[in-house]
């Protein structure tokens, strides 16, 4: 009887151990702490000085990623360009194995409402459950309807998430 009980205890411990290690492997990357600046700078073809308007239109978004020693990456995306009616910027993440896909999209109550001015926005967020490893990362900029061209990511490359590191890069902007 003791042998059966001991056998069940060992079987139970083996099952618990395998489930907990499997869970840590299956935990996906999570997005949190999404923040927006709101409109930092506004400009329009009709109302702005021509040189200021040209300078603003030529800016490209930049991404800075800071990784801490716990596997959390803080993203800062600067100089996103959307119209002045934009309420906020949203972000979503999905991951599978060593691939991470991030979609950044503007939001406004009525996406059909157009404006003749543009604003620069910044957005920040954190990704957690990262391992210190290399990932194939794709970043997309969606339109107000959440649609984006999967064949044209704003960024596609290999990133190495190492503890206590910071790196940055420019991204292309397709709208």
N, C-alpha and C. Protein backbone atom coordinates (compact mmCIF):
# COMPACT_ATOMS: atom_id res chain seq x y z
N UNK A 1 0.82 -1.18 0.00
CA UNK A 1 0.00 0.00 0.00
C UNK A 1 0.87 1.26 0.00
N UNK A 2 1.98 1.23 0.84
CA UNK A 2 2.88 2.36 0.87
C UNK A 2 3.52 2.58 -0.49
N UNK A 3 3.84 1.51 -1.19
CA UNK A 3 4.47 1.63 -2.50
C UNK A 3 3.53 2.30 -3.49
N UNK A 4 2.22 1.95 -3.46
CA UNK A 4 1.25 2.58 -4.36
C UNK A 4 1.13 4.07 -4.03
N UNK A 5 1.04 4.39 -2.74
CA UNK A 5 0.92 5.79 -2.34
C UNK A 5 2.16 6.56 -2.78
N UNK A 6 3.34 5.99 -2.54
CA UNK A 6 4.59 6.62 -2.94
C UNK A 6 4.61 6.79 -4.46
N UNK A 7 4.14 5.81 -5.20
CA UNK A 7 4.08 5.89 -6.66
C UNK A 7 3.17 7.01 -7.13
N UNK A 8 2.00 7.17 -6.48
CA UNK A 8 1.08 8.25 -6.85
C UNK A 8 1.68 9.63 -6.54
N UNK A 9 2.36 9.72 -5.40
CA UNK A 9 3.00 10.99 -5.03
C UNK A 9 4.06 11.35 -6.06
N UNK A 10 4.90 10.41 -6.44
CA UNK A 10 5.94 10.67 -7.43
C UNK A 10 5.34 11.02 -8.79
N UNK A 11 4.29 10.33 -9.18
CA UNK A 11 3.61 10.62 -10.44
C UNK A 11 3.01 12.03 -10.40
N UNK A 12 2.40 12.38 -9.28
CA UNK A 12 1.83 13.73 -9.13
C UNK A 12 2.89 14.81 -9.20
N UNK A 13 4.02 14.59 -8.52
CA UNK A 13 5.10 15.57 -8.57
C UNK A 13 5.66 15.70 -9.99
N UNK A 14 5.80 14.60 -10.67
CA UNK A 14 6.30 14.64 -12.05
C UNK A 14 5.33 15.43 -12.94
N UNK A 15 4.04 15.21 -12.75
CA UNK A 15 3.03 15.93 -13.54
C UNK A 15 3.07 17.42 -13.25
N UNK A 16 3.16 17.79 -11.97
CA UNK A 16 3.23 19.21 -11.60
C UNK A 16 4.47 19.88 -12.15
N UNK A 17 5.59 19.21 -12.06
CA UNK A 17 6.83 19.77 -12.57
C UNK A 17 6.77 19.97 -14.06
N UNK A 18 6.26 19.00 -14.78
CA UNK A 18 6.20 19.13 -16.24
C UNK A 18 5.22 20.21 -16.65
N UNK A 19 4.11 20.36 -15.93
CA UNK A 19 3.14 21.41 -16.27
C UNK A 19 3.72 22.79 -16.02
N UNK A 20 4.42 22.98 -14.90
CA UNK A 20 4.93 24.32 -14.60
C UNK A 20 6.04 24.70 -15.57
N UNK A 21 6.91 23.78 -15.96
CA UNK A 21 7.96 24.14 -16.91
C UNK A 21 7.36 24.35 -18.30
N UNK A 22 6.34 23.60 -18.65
CA UNK A 22 5.68 23.80 -19.94
C UNK A 22 5.01 25.15 -19.97
N UNK A 23 4.42 25.57 -18.85
CA UNK A 23 3.74 26.87 -18.82
C UNK A 23 4.72 28.00 -19.06
N UNK A 24 5.92 27.92 -18.47
CA UNK A 24 6.87 29.00 -18.66
C UNK A 24 7.33 29.08 -20.11
N UNK A 25 7.38 27.98 -20.81
CA UNK A 25 7.74 27.98 -22.22
C UNK A 25 6.61 28.57 -23.05
N UNK A 26 5.35 28.33 -22.66
CA UNK A 26 4.21 28.76 -23.45
C UNK A 26 3.77 30.19 -23.17
N UNK A 27 4.30 30.83 -22.10
CA UNK A 27 3.92 32.21 -21.82
C UNK A 27 4.31 33.09 -22.99
N UNK A 28 3.33 33.82 -23.51
CA UNK A 28 3.62 34.67 -24.65
C UNK A 28 4.05 36.05 -24.18
N UNK A 29 4.63 36.78 -25.09
CA UNK A 29 5.04 38.15 -24.80
C UNK A 29 3.79 38.98 -24.54
N UNK A 30 3.85 39.80 -23.50
CA UNK A 30 2.70 40.61 -23.10
C UNK A 30 3.02 42.09 -23.24
N UNK A 31 2.03 42.87 -23.69
CA UNK A 31 2.16 44.31 -23.80
C UNK A 31 1.45 44.97 -22.63
N UNK A 32 2.08 45.98 -22.03
CA UNK A 32 1.48 46.70 -20.90
C UNK A 32 1.95 48.15 -20.90
N UNK A 33 1.37 48.93 -20.00
CA UNK A 33 1.77 50.31 -19.76
C UNK A 33 1.77 51.16 -21.03
N UNK A 34 0.74 51.03 -21.84
CA UNK A 34 0.62 51.82 -23.06
C UNK A 34 0.36 53.28 -22.71
N UNK A 35 1.16 54.18 -23.27
CA UNK A 35 0.98 55.62 -23.01
C UNK A 35 1.15 56.40 -24.31
N UNK A 36 0.49 57.55 -24.37
CA UNK A 36 0.54 58.44 -25.53
C UNK A 36 0.83 59.85 -25.07
N UNK A 37 1.49 60.62 -25.92
CA UNK A 37 1.75 62.02 -25.58
C UNK A 37 0.59 62.93 -25.96
N UNK A 38 -0.25 62.49 -26.87
CA UNK A 38 -1.18 63.43 -27.48
C UNK A 38 -0.41 64.20 -28.53
N UNK A 39 -1.02 65.19 -29.11
CA UNK A 39 -0.39 65.96 -30.17
C UNK A 39 0.75 66.80 -29.62
N UNK A 40 1.99 66.54 -30.09
CA UNK A 40 3.16 67.31 -29.65
C UNK A 40 3.35 68.55 -30.51
N UNK A 41 3.21 68.37 -31.81
CA UNK A 41 3.43 69.44 -32.78
C UNK A 41 2.38 69.30 -33.86
N UNK A 42 1.73 70.40 -34.20
CA UNK A 42 0.76 70.35 -35.30
C UNK A 42 1.24 71.21 -36.46
N UNK A 43 0.82 70.85 -37.66
CA UNK A 43 1.22 71.57 -38.86
C UNK A 43 0.23 71.26 -39.97
N UNK A 44 0.12 72.18 -40.89
CA UNK A 44 -0.77 71.97 -42.04
C UNK A 44 -0.19 72.68 -43.25
N UNK A 45 -0.54 72.20 -44.42
CA UNK A 45 -0.07 72.80 -45.66
C UNK A 45 -0.60 74.23 -45.81
N UNK A 46 -1.79 74.47 -45.30
CA UNK A 46 -2.42 75.79 -45.46
C UNK A 46 -1.94 76.80 -44.44
N UNK A 47 -1.69 76.37 -43.19
CA UNK A 47 -1.46 77.33 -42.12
C UNK A 47 -0.02 77.41 -41.60
N UNK A 48 0.81 76.44 -41.92
CA UNK A 48 2.19 76.44 -41.41
C UNK A 48 3.13 77.12 -42.40
N UNK A 49 4.24 77.64 -41.87
CA UNK A 49 5.28 78.18 -42.76
C UNK A 49 5.77 77.04 -43.65
N UNK A 50 6.02 77.28 -44.91
CA UNK A 50 6.42 76.21 -45.84
C UNK A 50 7.65 75.42 -45.38
N UNK A 51 8.67 76.11 -44.84
CA UNK A 51 9.87 75.38 -44.41
C UNK A 51 9.60 74.52 -43.19
N UNK A 52 8.75 74.98 -42.27
CA UNK A 52 8.39 74.18 -41.11
C UNK A 52 7.58 72.96 -41.54
N UNK A 53 6.63 73.17 -42.42
CA UNK A 53 5.80 72.07 -42.92
C UNK A 53 6.67 71.01 -43.60
N UNK A 54 7.59 71.44 -44.45
CA UNK A 54 8.48 70.50 -45.15
C UNK A 54 9.35 69.74 -44.15
N UNK A 55 9.88 70.46 -43.17
CA UNK A 55 10.73 69.81 -42.16
C UNK A 55 9.95 68.74 -41.39
N UNK A 56 8.73 69.05 -41.00
CA UNK A 56 7.90 68.09 -40.26
C UNK A 56 7.52 66.89 -41.12
N UNK A 57 7.18 67.14 -42.37
CA UNK A 57 6.77 66.04 -43.27
C UNK A 57 7.93 65.07 -43.55
N UNK A 58 9.16 65.56 -43.45
CA UNK A 58 10.33 64.72 -43.74
C UNK A 58 10.78 63.88 -42.55
N UNK A 59 10.26 64.15 -41.37
CA UNK A 59 10.65 63.36 -40.19
C UNK A 59 10.19 61.92 -40.33
N UNK A 60 10.98 61.02 -39.80
CA UNK A 60 10.58 59.61 -39.76
C UNK A 60 10.51 59.16 -38.31
N UNK A 61 9.61 58.24 -38.01
CA UNK A 61 9.52 57.74 -36.63
C UNK A 61 10.81 57.04 -36.20
N UNK A 62 11.08 57.12 -34.93
CA UNK A 62 12.23 56.44 -34.33
C UNK A 62 11.74 55.57 -33.18
N UNK A 63 12.42 54.46 -32.99
CA UNK A 63 12.08 53.55 -31.90
C UNK A 63 13.30 53.36 -31.03
N UNK A 64 13.11 53.53 -29.72
CA UNK A 64 14.15 53.26 -28.75
C UNK A 64 13.63 52.14 -27.84
N UNK A 65 14.46 51.11 -27.66
CA UNK A 65 14.09 49.97 -26.82
C UNK A 65 15.13 49.84 -25.71
N UNK A 66 14.64 49.82 -24.48
CA UNK A 66 15.51 49.63 -23.32
C UNK A 66 15.08 48.33 -22.64
N UNK A 67 16.03 47.44 -22.45
CA UNK A 67 15.75 46.14 -21.84
C UNK A 67 16.34 46.12 -20.43
N UNK A 68 15.51 45.74 -19.45
CA UNK A 68 16.03 45.66 -18.08
C UNK A 68 16.56 44.25 -17.80
N UNK A 69 16.96 44.01 -16.56
CA UNK A 69 17.55 42.71 -16.23
C UNK A 69 16.51 41.65 -15.88
N UNK A 70 15.21 41.99 -16.04
CA UNK A 70 14.15 41.02 -15.75
C UNK A 70 13.40 40.57 -17.00
N UNK A 71 13.88 40.94 -18.17
CA UNK A 71 13.22 40.52 -19.40
C UNK A 71 12.05 41.42 -19.80
N UNK A 72 12.08 42.68 -19.37
CA UNK A 72 11.05 43.64 -19.76
C UNK A 72 11.70 44.68 -20.68
N UNK A 73 11.10 44.86 -21.85
CA UNK A 73 11.61 45.84 -22.81
C UNK A 73 10.65 47.02 -22.86
N UNK A 74 11.20 48.22 -22.68
CA UNK A 74 10.41 49.44 -22.75
C UNK A 74 10.62 50.06 -24.13
N UNK A 75 9.53 50.25 -24.86
CA UNK A 75 9.57 50.81 -26.20
C UNK A 75 9.11 52.27 -26.14
N UNK A 76 9.83 53.14 -26.85
CA UNK A 76 9.42 54.53 -27.06
C UNK A 76 9.44 54.75 -28.57
N UNK A 77 8.27 55.04 -29.12
CA UNK A 77 8.14 55.32 -30.54
C UNK A 77 7.84 56.80 -30.66
N UNK A 78 8.71 57.53 -31.35
CA UNK A 78 8.56 58.98 -31.43
C UNK A 78 8.27 59.43 -32.85
N UNK A 79 7.63 60.57 -32.95
CA UNK A 79 7.36 61.25 -34.21
C UNK A 79 6.44 60.49 -35.17
N UNK A 80 5.44 59.84 -34.60
CA UNK A 80 4.40 59.26 -35.46
C UNK A 80 3.55 60.40 -36.01
N UNK A 81 3.14 60.28 -37.26
CA UNK A 81 2.35 61.33 -37.88
C UNK A 81 0.93 60.84 -38.17
N UNK A 82 -0.05 61.51 -37.58
CA UNK A 82 -1.46 61.24 -37.85
C UNK A 82 -2.19 62.57 -37.91
N UNK A 83 -3.44 62.54 -38.33
CA UNK A 83 -4.15 63.82 -38.43
C UNK A 83 -4.52 64.35 -37.04
N UNK A 84 -4.92 65.61 -37.01
CA UNK A 84 -5.18 66.29 -35.74
C UNK A 84 -6.40 65.78 -35.00
N UNK A 85 -7.22 64.99 -35.64
CA UNK A 85 -8.42 64.44 -34.99
C UNK A 85 -8.15 63.13 -34.27
N UNK A 86 -6.92 62.67 -34.24
CA UNK A 86 -6.58 61.41 -33.61
C UNK A 86 -6.75 61.51 -32.10
N UNK A 87 -7.51 60.58 -31.53
CA UNK A 87 -7.76 60.57 -30.08
C UNK A 87 -6.62 59.93 -29.30
N UNK A 88 -6.11 58.82 -29.80
CA UNK A 88 -5.03 58.11 -29.10
C UNK A 88 -4.37 57.13 -30.06
N UNK A 89 -3.26 56.57 -29.62
CA UNK A 89 -2.52 55.58 -30.40
C UNK A 89 -2.62 54.26 -29.64
N UNK A 90 -2.94 53.20 -30.37
CA UNK A 90 -3.06 51.87 -29.78
C UNK A 90 -1.90 51.00 -30.24
N UNK A 91 -1.62 49.96 -29.49
CA UNK A 91 -0.57 49.01 -29.87
C UNK A 91 -1.02 47.61 -29.47
N UNK A 92 -0.66 46.65 -30.30
CA UNK A 92 -0.94 45.23 -30.02
C UNK A 92 0.32 44.43 -30.30
N UNK A 93 0.48 43.34 -29.58
CA UNK A 93 1.62 42.46 -29.81
C UNK A 93 1.13 41.03 -29.93
N UNK A 94 1.79 40.29 -30.78
CA UNK A 94 1.58 38.84 -30.84
C UNK A 94 2.96 38.22 -31.01
N UNK A 95 3.10 37.02 -30.49
CA UNK A 95 4.40 36.35 -30.57
C UNK A 95 4.20 34.86 -30.72
N UNK A 96 5.16 34.28 -31.38
CA UNK A 96 5.19 32.83 -31.51
C UNK A 96 6.65 32.42 -31.68
N UNK A 97 7.09 31.53 -30.82
CA UNK A 97 8.48 31.09 -30.82
C UNK A 97 9.40 32.30 -30.72
N UNK A 98 10.24 32.52 -31.72
CA UNK A 98 11.19 33.63 -31.68
C UNK A 98 10.75 34.79 -32.58
N UNK A 99 9.46 34.91 -32.84
CA UNK A 99 8.94 35.98 -33.68
C UNK A 99 8.00 36.88 -32.87
N UNK A 100 8.18 38.18 -33.03
CA UNK A 100 7.32 39.17 -32.37
C UNK A 100 6.75 40.08 -33.45
N UNK A 101 5.44 40.29 -33.39
CA UNK A 101 4.78 41.22 -34.31
C UNK A 101 4.10 42.30 -33.48
N UNK A 102 4.40 43.56 -33.80
CA UNK A 102 3.80 44.70 -33.11
C UNK A 102 3.04 45.52 -34.14
N UNK A 103 1.80 45.85 -33.82
CA UNK A 103 0.99 46.71 -34.69
C UNK A 103 0.63 47.96 -33.90
N UNK A 104 0.96 49.11 -34.48
CA UNK A 104 0.65 50.40 -33.88
C UNK A 104 -0.38 51.08 -34.76
N UNK A 105 -1.47 51.55 -34.15
CA UNK A 105 -2.57 52.11 -34.94
C UNK A 105 -3.17 53.34 -34.25
N UNK A 106 -3.54 54.33 -35.05
CA UNK A 106 -4.24 55.48 -34.48
C UNK A 106 -5.70 55.14 -34.24
N UNK A 107 -6.33 55.90 -33.34
CA UNK A 107 -7.75 55.69 -33.08
C UNK A 107 -8.43 57.05 -33.00
N UNK A 108 -9.59 57.13 -33.62
CA UNK A 108 -10.49 58.26 -33.42
C UNK A 108 -11.91 57.75 -33.54
N UNK A 109 -12.81 58.41 -32.85
CA UNK A 109 -14.22 57.95 -32.79
C UNK A 109 -14.80 57.75 -34.18
N UNK A 110 -14.54 58.68 -35.08
CA UNK A 110 -15.07 58.59 -36.44
C UNK A 110 -13.90 58.57 -37.42
N UNK A 111 -13.49 57.37 -37.87
CA UNK A 111 -12.32 57.29 -38.76
C UNK A 111 -12.55 57.94 -40.14
N UNK A 112 -13.80 58.23 -40.48
CA UNK A 112 -14.07 58.87 -41.77
C UNK A 112 -13.87 60.38 -41.70
N UNK A 113 -13.79 60.94 -40.51
CA UNK A 113 -13.61 62.37 -40.34
C UNK A 113 -12.17 62.74 -40.69
N UNK A 114 -12.01 63.57 -41.70
CA UNK A 114 -10.67 63.97 -42.14
C UNK A 114 -10.32 65.35 -41.62
N UNK A 115 -9.04 65.61 -41.49
CA UNK A 115 -8.56 66.91 -41.03
C UNK A 115 -7.51 67.41 -42.01
N UNK A 116 -7.37 68.72 -42.10
CA UNK A 116 -6.35 69.27 -43.00
C UNK A 116 -5.05 69.60 -42.26
N UNK A 117 -4.93 69.09 -41.03
CA UNK A 117 -3.69 69.29 -40.28
C UNK A 117 -3.18 67.94 -39.77
N UNK A 118 -1.90 67.94 -39.45
CA UNK A 118 -1.24 66.74 -38.93
C UNK A 118 -0.63 67.05 -37.58
N UNK A 119 -0.42 65.99 -36.81
CA UNK A 119 0.25 66.10 -35.51
C UNK A 119 1.34 65.04 -35.42
N UNK A 120 2.31 65.33 -34.56
CA UNK A 120 3.34 64.36 -34.19
C UNK A 120 2.95 63.81 -32.82
N UNK A 121 3.01 62.50 -32.72
CA UNK A 121 2.65 61.80 -31.48
C UNK A 121 3.79 60.88 -31.08
N UNK A 122 3.91 60.62 -29.78
CA UNK A 122 4.81 59.60 -29.26
C UNK A 122 3.97 58.56 -28.53
N UNK A 123 4.42 57.34 -28.56
CA UNK A 123 3.74 56.27 -27.84
C UNK A 123 4.80 55.44 -27.13
N UNK A 124 4.45 54.94 -25.96
CA UNK A 124 5.35 54.09 -25.21
C UNK A 124 4.61 52.88 -24.68
N UNK A 125 5.31 51.79 -24.51
CA UNK A 125 4.73 50.58 -23.94
C UNK A 125 5.84 49.64 -23.51
N UNK A 126 5.45 48.62 -22.76
CA UNK A 126 6.41 47.62 -22.30
C UNK A 126 6.02 46.25 -22.83
N UNK A 127 7.03 45.46 -23.14
CA UNK A 127 6.83 44.05 -23.48
C UNK A 127 7.50 43.23 -22.38
N UNK A 128 6.75 42.28 -21.84
CA UNK A 128 7.29 41.42 -20.79
C UNK A 128 7.23 39.96 -21.24
N UNK A 129 7.76 39.10 -20.43
CA UNK A 129 7.90 37.66 -20.71
C UNK A 129 8.90 37.40 -21.84
N UNK A 130 9.86 38.30 -22.00
CA UNK A 130 10.90 38.11 -23.00
C UNK A 130 12.02 37.27 -22.40
N UNK A 131 12.63 36.48 -23.22
CA UNK A 131 13.84 35.79 -22.80
C UNK A 131 15.02 36.55 -23.39
N UNK A 132 16.16 36.44 -22.77
CA UNK A 132 17.34 37.11 -23.31
C UNK A 132 17.82 36.27 -24.48
N UNK A 133 17.38 36.69 -25.64
CA UNK A 133 17.54 35.89 -26.83
C UNK A 133 17.42 36.80 -28.03
N UNK A 134 17.57 36.23 -29.21
CA UNK A 134 17.32 37.02 -30.42
C UNK A 134 15.90 36.71 -30.91
N UNK A 135 15.26 37.74 -31.41
CA UNK A 135 13.91 37.64 -31.94
C UNK A 135 13.87 38.23 -33.34
N UNK A 136 13.01 37.69 -34.17
CA UNK A 136 12.69 38.29 -35.46
C UNK A 136 11.49 39.18 -35.20
N UNK A 137 11.67 40.48 -35.35
CA UNK A 137 10.62 41.41 -34.99
C UNK A 137 10.11 42.15 -36.23
N UNK A 138 8.79 42.23 -36.31
CA UNK A 138 8.13 43.03 -37.35
C UNK A 138 7.26 44.06 -36.66
N UNK A 139 7.36 45.30 -37.13
CA UNK A 139 6.54 46.38 -36.62
C UNK A 139 5.75 46.95 -37.79
N UNK A 140 4.45 47.07 -37.59
CA UNK A 140 3.56 47.61 -38.62
C UNK A 140 2.87 48.86 -38.10
N UNK A 141 2.62 49.81 -38.99
CA UNK A 141 1.78 50.96 -38.69
C UNK A 141 0.48 50.77 -39.45
N UNK A 142 -0.60 50.67 -38.70
CA UNK A 142 -1.93 50.45 -39.29
C UNK A 142 -2.61 51.79 -39.53
N UNK A 143 -3.69 51.74 -40.31
CA UNK A 143 -4.49 52.94 -40.52
C UNK A 143 -5.59 53.01 -39.45
N UNK A 144 -6.50 53.95 -39.60
CA UNK A 144 -7.57 54.14 -38.60
C UNK A 144 -8.53 52.95 -38.54
N UNK A 145 -8.51 52.11 -39.53
CA UNK A 145 -9.39 50.93 -39.54
C UNK A 145 -8.64 49.69 -39.04
N UNK A 146 -7.40 49.86 -38.62
CA UNK A 146 -6.61 48.75 -38.12
C UNK A 146 -5.97 47.91 -39.22
N UNK A 147 -6.05 48.36 -40.45
CA UNK A 147 -5.49 47.60 -41.57
C UNK A 147 -4.06 48.04 -41.85
N UNK A 148 -3.24 47.07 -42.25
CA UNK A 148 -1.85 47.33 -42.60
C UNK A 148 -1.41 46.32 -43.64
N UNK A 149 -0.35 46.66 -44.35
CA UNK A 149 0.17 45.81 -45.42
C UNK A 149 1.20 44.84 -44.82
N UNK A 150 0.86 43.56 -44.77
CA UNK A 150 1.77 42.57 -44.18
C UNK A 150 3.05 42.42 -45.00
N UNK A 151 3.02 42.83 -46.26
CA UNK A 151 4.22 42.73 -47.11
C UNK A 151 5.18 43.90 -46.89
N UNK A 152 4.74 44.93 -46.16
CA UNK A 152 5.58 46.12 -45.98
C UNK A 152 5.65 46.55 -44.51
N UNK A 153 6.34 45.80 -43.69
CA UNK A 153 6.47 46.25 -42.29
C UNK A 153 7.32 47.52 -42.23
N UNK A 154 7.04 48.34 -41.24
CA UNK A 154 7.84 49.55 -41.01
C UNK A 154 9.24 49.16 -40.54
N UNK A 155 9.32 48.04 -39.85
CA UNK A 155 10.60 47.49 -39.42
C UNK A 155 10.52 45.98 -39.48
N UNK A 156 11.57 45.37 -40.01
CA UNK A 156 11.70 43.92 -39.98
C UNK A 156 13.17 43.61 -39.79
N UNK A 157 13.48 42.92 -38.72
CA UNK A 157 14.87 42.59 -38.47
C UNK A 157 15.02 41.72 -37.25
N UNK A 158 16.25 41.37 -36.98
CA UNK A 158 16.58 40.56 -35.81
C UNK A 158 17.04 41.49 -34.71
N UNK A 159 16.45 41.33 -33.55
CA UNK A 159 16.85 42.11 -32.38
C UNK A 159 17.32 41.16 -31.29
N UNK A 160 18.32 41.58 -30.55
CA UNK A 160 18.86 40.79 -29.45
C UNK A 160 18.47 41.48 -28.15
N UNK A 161 17.62 40.84 -27.38
CA UNK A 161 17.23 41.38 -26.09
C UNK A 161 18.23 40.87 -25.05
N UNK A 162 19.14 41.74 -24.66
CA UNK A 162 20.14 41.43 -23.64
C UNK A 162 19.86 42.30 -22.42
N UNK A 163 20.17 41.80 -21.23
CA UNK A 163 19.89 42.60 -20.03
C UNK A 163 20.65 43.93 -20.04
N UNK A 164 19.94 44.97 -19.54
CA UNK A 164 20.53 46.29 -19.35
C UNK A 164 21.12 46.88 -20.63
N UNK A 165 20.37 46.79 -21.72
CA UNK A 165 20.83 47.36 -22.99
C UNK A 165 19.77 48.32 -23.54
N UNK A 166 20.22 49.24 -24.36
CA UNK A 166 19.34 50.17 -25.06
C UNK A 166 19.80 50.24 -26.50
N UNK A 167 18.85 50.21 -27.41
CA UNK A 167 19.18 50.41 -28.82
C UNK A 167 18.04 51.16 -29.49
N UNK A 168 18.37 51.81 -30.61
CA UNK A 168 17.35 52.57 -31.32
C UNK A 168 17.57 52.47 -32.82
N UNK A 169 16.49 52.77 -33.55
CA UNK A 169 16.55 52.71 -35.00
C UNK A 169 15.40 53.53 -35.60
N UNK A 170 15.59 53.97 -36.84
CA UNK A 170 14.55 54.65 -37.59
C UNK A 170 13.68 53.59 -38.25
N UNK A 171 12.45 53.95 -38.51
CA UNK A 171 11.55 53.02 -39.21
C UNK A 171 10.94 53.73 -40.40
N UNK A 172 10.56 52.95 -41.41
CA UNK A 172 9.87 53.54 -42.55
C UNK A 172 8.41 53.69 -42.20
N UNK A 173 7.76 54.56 -42.90
CA UNK A 173 6.39 54.93 -42.53
C UNK A 173 5.47 54.75 -43.72
N UNK A 174 4.65 53.71 -43.67
CA UNK A 174 3.69 53.44 -44.75
C UNK A 174 2.29 53.73 -44.25
N UNK A 175 1.57 54.58 -44.94
CA UNK A 175 0.19 54.82 -44.58
C UNK A 175 -0.67 54.72 -45.81
